[in-house]
């Protein structure tokens, strides 16, 4: 899931991030998202070609890629949906 701050994309958080960075370390569920999220975010732009996005998702070995408009998250591109 994209994480935003001041209307900008600043990270991503997944169930795996929560499992590894919160649950496995015994941190409480009140832990802030910024402590568990991945801050290095790969993304695509809303006007990118779908073929280019599919190639990037494959190259980066990702399951989803945030779609942005002026660095504002507007959607997610899912690998399993784009590859069908």
Protein backbone atom coordinates (compact mmCIF):
# COMPACT_ATOMS: atom_id res chain seq x y z
CA UNK A 1 0.00 0.00 0.00
CA UNK A 2 1.40 3.44 -0.88
CA UNK A 3 2.31 5.72 2.01
CA UNK A 4 1.89 9.44 1.53
CA UNK A 5 2.93 12.54 3.42
CA UNK A 6 1.90 16.05 2.45
CA UNK A 7 0.24 14.66 -0.69
CA UNK A 8 3.46 12.96 -1.86
CA UNK A 9 4.50 9.31 -2.16
CA UNK A 10 7.08 8.62 0.56
CA UNK A 11 7.04 4.84 0.92
CA UNK A 12 5.23 1.53 0.60
CA UNK A 13 4.05 -0.83 3.30
CA UNK A 14 3.09 -4.46 2.79
CA UNK A 15 1.94 -7.29 5.00
CA UNK A 16 5.50 -8.62 4.75
CA UNK A 17 6.92 -5.31 6.07
CA UNK A 18 4.56 -5.54 9.06
CA UNK A 19 5.46 -9.19 9.68
CA UNK A 20 9.23 -8.58 9.54
CA UNK A 21 9.58 -5.09 11.01
CA UNK A 22 6.81 -5.16 13.60
CA UNK A 23 5.51 -8.62 14.55
CA UNK A 24 8.82 -10.52 14.32
CA UNK A 25 10.53 -7.86 16.43
CA UNK A 26 7.82 -7.89 19.07
CA UNK A 27 6.83 -4.27 18.45
CA UNK A 28 3.31 -3.17 19.38
CA UNK A 29 0.57 -2.67 16.79
CA UNK A 30 0.78 1.03 17.67
CA UNK A 31 4.14 1.20 15.85
CA UNK A 32 4.14 4.05 13.34
CA UNK A 33 3.89 3.15 9.65
CA UNK A 34 7.08 5.12 8.92
CA UNK A 35 8.98 2.64 11.14
CA UNK A 36 7.79 -0.38 9.17
CA UNK A 37 7.50 0.90 5.60
CA UNK A 38 10.01 0.60 2.79
CA UNK A 39 11.15 4.14 2.02
CA UNK A 40 12.79 3.33 -1.32
CA UNK A 41 9.84 3.40 -3.68
CA UNK A 42 9.80 2.41 -7.32
CA UNK A 43 6.89 3.87 -9.25
CA UNK A 44 5.57 4.62 -12.71
CA UNK A 45 3.74 7.58 -14.18
CA UNK A 46 0.11 7.61 -15.27
CA UNK A 47 1.13 8.28 -18.88
CA UNK A 48 3.73 5.45 -19.16
CA UNK A 49 3.12 2.73 -21.74
CA UNK A 50 1.72 -0.46 -20.20
CA UNK A 51 4.43 -2.53 -21.94
CA UNK A 52 7.11 -0.43 -20.21
CA UNK A 53 5.40 -0.84 -16.82
CA UNK A 54 5.12 -4.62 -17.28
CA UNK A 55 8.81 -4.80 -18.19
CA UNK A 56 9.81 -2.70 -15.14
CA UNK A 57 7.71 -4.78 -12.77
CA UNK A 58 9.39 -7.93 -14.12
CA UNK A 59 12.89 -6.45 -14.01
CA UNK A 60 12.40 -5.19 -10.46
CA UNK A 61 10.69 -8.46 -9.38
CA UNK A 62 7.77 -6.60 -7.84
CA UNK A 63 4.14 -7.57 -7.41
CA UNK A 64 2.78 -4.04 -7.62
CA UNK A 65 3.97 -0.61 -8.64
CA UNK A 66 2.42 2.69 -7.55
CA UNK A 67 1.12 4.84 -10.38
CA UNK A 68 1.77 8.53 -9.80
CA UNK A 69 0.67 11.85 -11.19
CA UNK A 70 3.12 14.59 -10.18
CA UNK A 71 4.50 12.23 -7.45
CA UNK A 72 1.02 11.87 -6.00
CA UNK A 73 -0.11 8.24 -5.79
CA UNK A 74 -3.24 7.74 -7.85
CA UNK A 75 -3.37 3.95 -8.35
CA UNK A 76 -1.47 0.65 -8.25
CA UNK A 77 -0.36 -1.44 -11.24
CA UNK A 78 -0.56 -5.14 -10.35
CA UNK A 79 1.79 -7.55 -12.11
CA UNK A 80 -0.72 -10.42 -12.20
CA UNK A 81 -3.32 -8.23 -13.89
CA UNK A 82 -0.96 -6.66 -16.41
CA UNK A 83 0.61 -9.96 -17.51
CA UNK A 84 -2.67 -11.65 -18.47
